C-alpha atoms as a PDB file:
ATOM      1  CA  MET A   1      -2.510 -15.102   0.164  1.00  0.00           C
ATOM      2  CA  LEU A   2       1.328 -14.402   0.836  1.00  0.00           C
ATOM      3  CA  VAL A   3       2.205 -11.065  -0.115  1.00  0.00           C
ATOM      4  CA  CYS A   4       5.725 -10.677   0.485  1.00  0.00           C
ATOM      5  CA  HIS A   5       7.923 -13.650  -0.954  1.00  0.00           C
ATOM      6  CA  CYS A   6      11.045 -12.326   0.863  1.00  0.00           C
ATOM      7  CA  ASN A   7       9.962 -11.745   4.430  1.00  0.00           C
ATOM      8  CA  VAL A   8       6.878 -14.607   4.032  1.00  0.00           C
ATOM      9  CA  ILE A   9       4.232 -12.242   5.110  1.00  0.00           C
ATOM     10  CA  THR A  10       0.541 -12.734   4.393  1.00  0.00           C
ATOM     11  CA  GLU A  11      -1.996 -10.348   3.891  1.00  0.00           C
ATOM     12  CA  LYS A  12      -3.820 -11.260   6.768  1.00  0.00           C
ATOM     13  CA  GLU A  13      -0.568 -10.206   8.833  1.00  0.00           C
ATOM     14  CA  ILE A  14      -0.332  -7.107   6.847  1.00  0.00           C
ATOM     15  CA  GLU A  15      -4.017  -6.229   7.492  1.00  0.00           C
ATOM     16  CA  GLN A  16      -3.693  -6.927  11.081  1.00  0.00           C
ATOM     17  CA  THR A  17      -0.749  -4.424  11.482  1.00  0.00           C
ATOM     18  CA  ILE A  18      -2.527  -1.512   9.719  1.00  0.00           C
ATOM     19  CA  VAL A  19      -5.440  -2.239  12.093  1.00  0.00           C
ATOM     20  CA  SER A  20      -3.343  -1.694  14.910  1.00  0.00           C
ATOM     21  CA  LEU A  21      -1.522   1.115  13.352  1.00  0.00           C
ATOM     22  CA  LEU A  22      -4.755   2.518  13.048  1.00  0.00           C
ATOM     23  CA  ASP A  23      -5.771   2.177  16.433  1.00  0.00           C
ATOM     24  CA  GLU A  24      -3.439   4.057  17.491  1.00  0.00           C
ATOM     25  CA  ASP A  25      -3.904   7.275  15.330  1.00  0.00           C
ATOM     26  CA  PRO A  26      -6.962   6.582  13.085  1.00  0.00           C
ATOM     27  CA  TRP A  27      -5.838   9.622  10.712  1.00  0.00           C
ATOM     28  CA  GLN A  28      -2.094   8.937  10.578  1.00  0.00           C
ATOM     29  CA  LEU A  29      -0.494   8.464   6.995  1.00  0.00           C
ATOM     30  CA  ILE A  30       0.454   4.607   6.478  1.00  0.00           C
ATOM     31  CA  VAL A  31       3.438   3.597   4.100  1.00  0.00           C
ATOM     32  CA  PRO A  32       4.568   0.116   3.155  1.00  0.00           C
ATOM     33  CA  ALA A  33       7.841   1.224   4.862  1.00  0.00           C
ATOM     34  CA  LYS A  34       5.873   1.755   8.534  1.00  0.00           C
ATOM     35  CA  VAL A  35       3.983  -1.268   7.897  1.00  0.00           C
ATOM     36  CA  TYR A  36       6.997  -3.375   7.893  1.00  0.00           C
ATOM     37  CA  HIS A  37       8.975  -1.429  10.638  1.00  0.00           C
ATOM     38  CA  ALA A  38       5.820  -2.332  12.764  1.00  0.00           C
ATOM     39  CA  MET A  39       6.370  -5.629  11.946  1.00  0.00           C
ATOM     40  CA  HIS A  40      10.042  -5.952  12.529  1.00  0.00           C
ATOM     41  CA  LYS A  41      10.827  -6.329   8.795  1.00  0.00           C
ATOM     42  CA  ARG A  42      12.164  -4.615   6.368  1.00  0.00           C
ATOM     43  CA  GLY A  43      11.618  -4.417   2.679  1.00  0.00           C
ATOM     44  CA  ARG A  44      14.150  -6.678   0.336  1.00  0.00           C
ATOM     45  CA  CYS A  45      13.131  -6.483  -3.141  1.00  0.00           C
ATOM     46  CA  CYS A  46      10.246  -4.041  -2.517  1.00  0.00           C
ATOM     47  CA  GLY A  47       8.309  -6.109  -5.295  1.00  0.00           C
ATOM     48  CA  CYS A  48       5.485  -6.502  -3.056  1.00  0.00           C
ATOM     49  CA  PHE A  49       5.034  -2.821  -2.189  1.00  0.00           C
ATOM     50  CA  PRO A  50       2.137  -1.811  -4.655  1.00  0.00           C
ATOM     51  CA  ASN A  51       0.215  -4.724  -3.024  1.00  0.00           C
ATOM     52  CA  VAL A  52       0.415  -3.602   0.088  1.00  0.00           C
ATOM     53  CA  VAL A  53      -0.329  -0.002  -0.937  1.00  0.00           C
ATOM     54  CA  GLU A  54      -3.226  -1.631  -2.233  1.00  0.00           C
ATOM     55  CA  THR A  55      -4.153  -3.186   1.088  1.00  0.00           C
ATOM     56  CA  ILE A  56      -3.128  -0.229   2.845  1.00  0.00           C
ATOM     57  CA  ILE A  57      -5.859   1.632   0.994  1.00  0.00           C
ATOM     58  CA  ARG A  58      -8.375  -1.538   1.261  1.00  0.00           C
ATOM     59  CA  VAL A  59      -8.129  -1.595   5.123  1.00  0.00           C
ATOM     60  CA  THR A  60      -7.851   1.975   5.587  1.00  0.00           C
ATOM     61  CA  GLU A  61     -11.293   2.564   4.033  1.00  0.00           C
ATOM     62  CA  GLU A  62     -13.002  -0.250   5.808  1.00  0.00           C
ATOM     63  CA  TYR A  63     -11.791   1.143   8.947  1.00  0.00           C
ATOM     64  CA  HIS A  64     -12.794   4.510   8.451  1.00  0.00           C
ATOM     65  CA  ALA A  65     -16.298   3.203   7.225  1.00  0.00           C
ATOM     66  CA  ARG A  66     -17.007   1.391  10.499  1.00  0.00           C
ATOM     67  CA  SER A  67     -15.539   4.232  12.475  1.00  0.00           C
ATOM     68  CA  LYS A  68     -17.611   6.755  13.797  1.00  0.00           C
ATOM     69  CA  ALA A  69     -16.249   9.309  11.562  1.00  0.00           C
ATOM     70  CA  GLY A  70     -18.982  11.146   9.467  1.00  0.00           C
ATOM     71  CA  GLY A  71     -19.069  10.705   5.348  1.00  0.00           C
ATOM     72  CA  ALA A  72     -17.776  14.165   5.064  1.00  0.00           C
ATOM     73  CA  ASP A  73     -14.189  13.390   7.033  1.00  0.00           C
ATOM     74  CA  ILE A  74     -13.627  10.203   5.320  1.00  0.00           C
ATOM     75  CA  VAL A  75     -11.352  10.867   1.985  1.00  0.00           C
ATOM     76  CA  SER A  76     -11.420   8.103  -0.781  1.00  0.00           C
ATOM     77  CA  HIS A  77      -7.734   7.413  -0.725  1.00  0.00           C
ATOM     78  CA  LEU A  78      -8.275   4.678  -3.557  1.00  0.00           C
ATOM     79  CA  ASP A  79      -9.764   7.343  -6.156  1.00  0.00           C
ATOM     80  CA  ARG A  80      -7.148   9.457  -5.505  1.00  0.00           C
ATOM     81  CA  VAL A  81      -4.515   6.442  -6.002  1.00  0.00           C
ATOM     82  CA  ARG A  82      -6.571   5.815  -9.482  1.00  0.00           C
ATOM     83  CA  GLN A  83      -6.148   9.183 -10.757  1.00  0.00           C
ATOM     84  CA  LEU A  84      -2.329   9.390  -9.613  1.00  0.00           C
ATOM     85  CA  ARG A  85      -1.662   5.975 -11.680  1.00  0.00           C
ATOM     86  CA  ILE A  86      -3.655   7.347 -14.569  1.00  0.00           C
ATOM     87  CA  GLN A  87      -1.602  10.718 -14.461  1.00  0.00           C
ATOM     88  CA  TYR A  88       1.858   8.587 -14.078  1.00  0.00           C
ATOM     89  CA  GLY A  89       1.285   5.437 -15.005  1.00  0.00           C
ATOM     90  CA  ASN A  90       3.161   5.366 -18.245  1.00  0.00           C
ATOM     91  CA  ARG A  91       6.687   6.243 -16.608  1.00  0.00           C
ATOM     92  CA  SER A  92       6.569   3.141 -14.147  1.00  0.00           C
ATOM     93  CA  ARG A  93       6.733   1.032 -18.032  1.00  0.00           C
ATOM     94  CA  ILE A  94       9.881   3.089 -18.476  1.00  0.00           C
ATOM     95  CA  HIS A  95      13.042   1.800 -17.699  1.00  0.00           C
ATOM     96  CA  GLU A  96      16.549   2.826 -17.783  1.00  0.00           C
ATOM     97  CA  ARG A  97      14.991   5.238 -20.420  1.00  0.00           C
ATOM     98  CA  ARG A  98      14.160   2.077 -22.377  1.00  0.00           C
ATOM     99  CA  GLN A  99      11.065   0.605 -23.042  1.00  0.00           C
ATOM    100  CA  ALA A 100      10.416  -2.793 -21.599  1.00  0.00           C
ATOM    101  CA  GLY A 101      10.548  -4.621 -24.550  1.00  0.00           C
ATOM    102  CA  ASN A 102      14.319  -3.277 -25.515  1.00  0.00           C
ATOM    103  CA  ARG A 103      15.720  -4.131 -22.348  1.00  0.00           C
ATOM    104  CA  ALA A 104      18.864  -6.516 -22.675  1.00  0.00           C
ATOM    105  CA  ALA A 105      18.441  -8.161 -19.417  1.00  0.00           C
END
């Protein structure tokens, strides 16, 4: 599946890059900019970043589930992100201090 239309990057390429980053250091913080930098790309419109974040969370959780780390060491990133979306979700719907339905552009 094509994730980034600007750079023509597929989900599989992003997953492979995340796994290679995790092989270097399994507990590093991976963000979309780090993934793009490892792929020698850059975010242009950055509309794909929310999907890349979801992919990072999914692949990281799967990676740690397959690893030898104990269950106490694995943090459920997805649950934390969902809580943040619930807490701050309304702010992402407001652009230029106007509701999406009131924008002129």
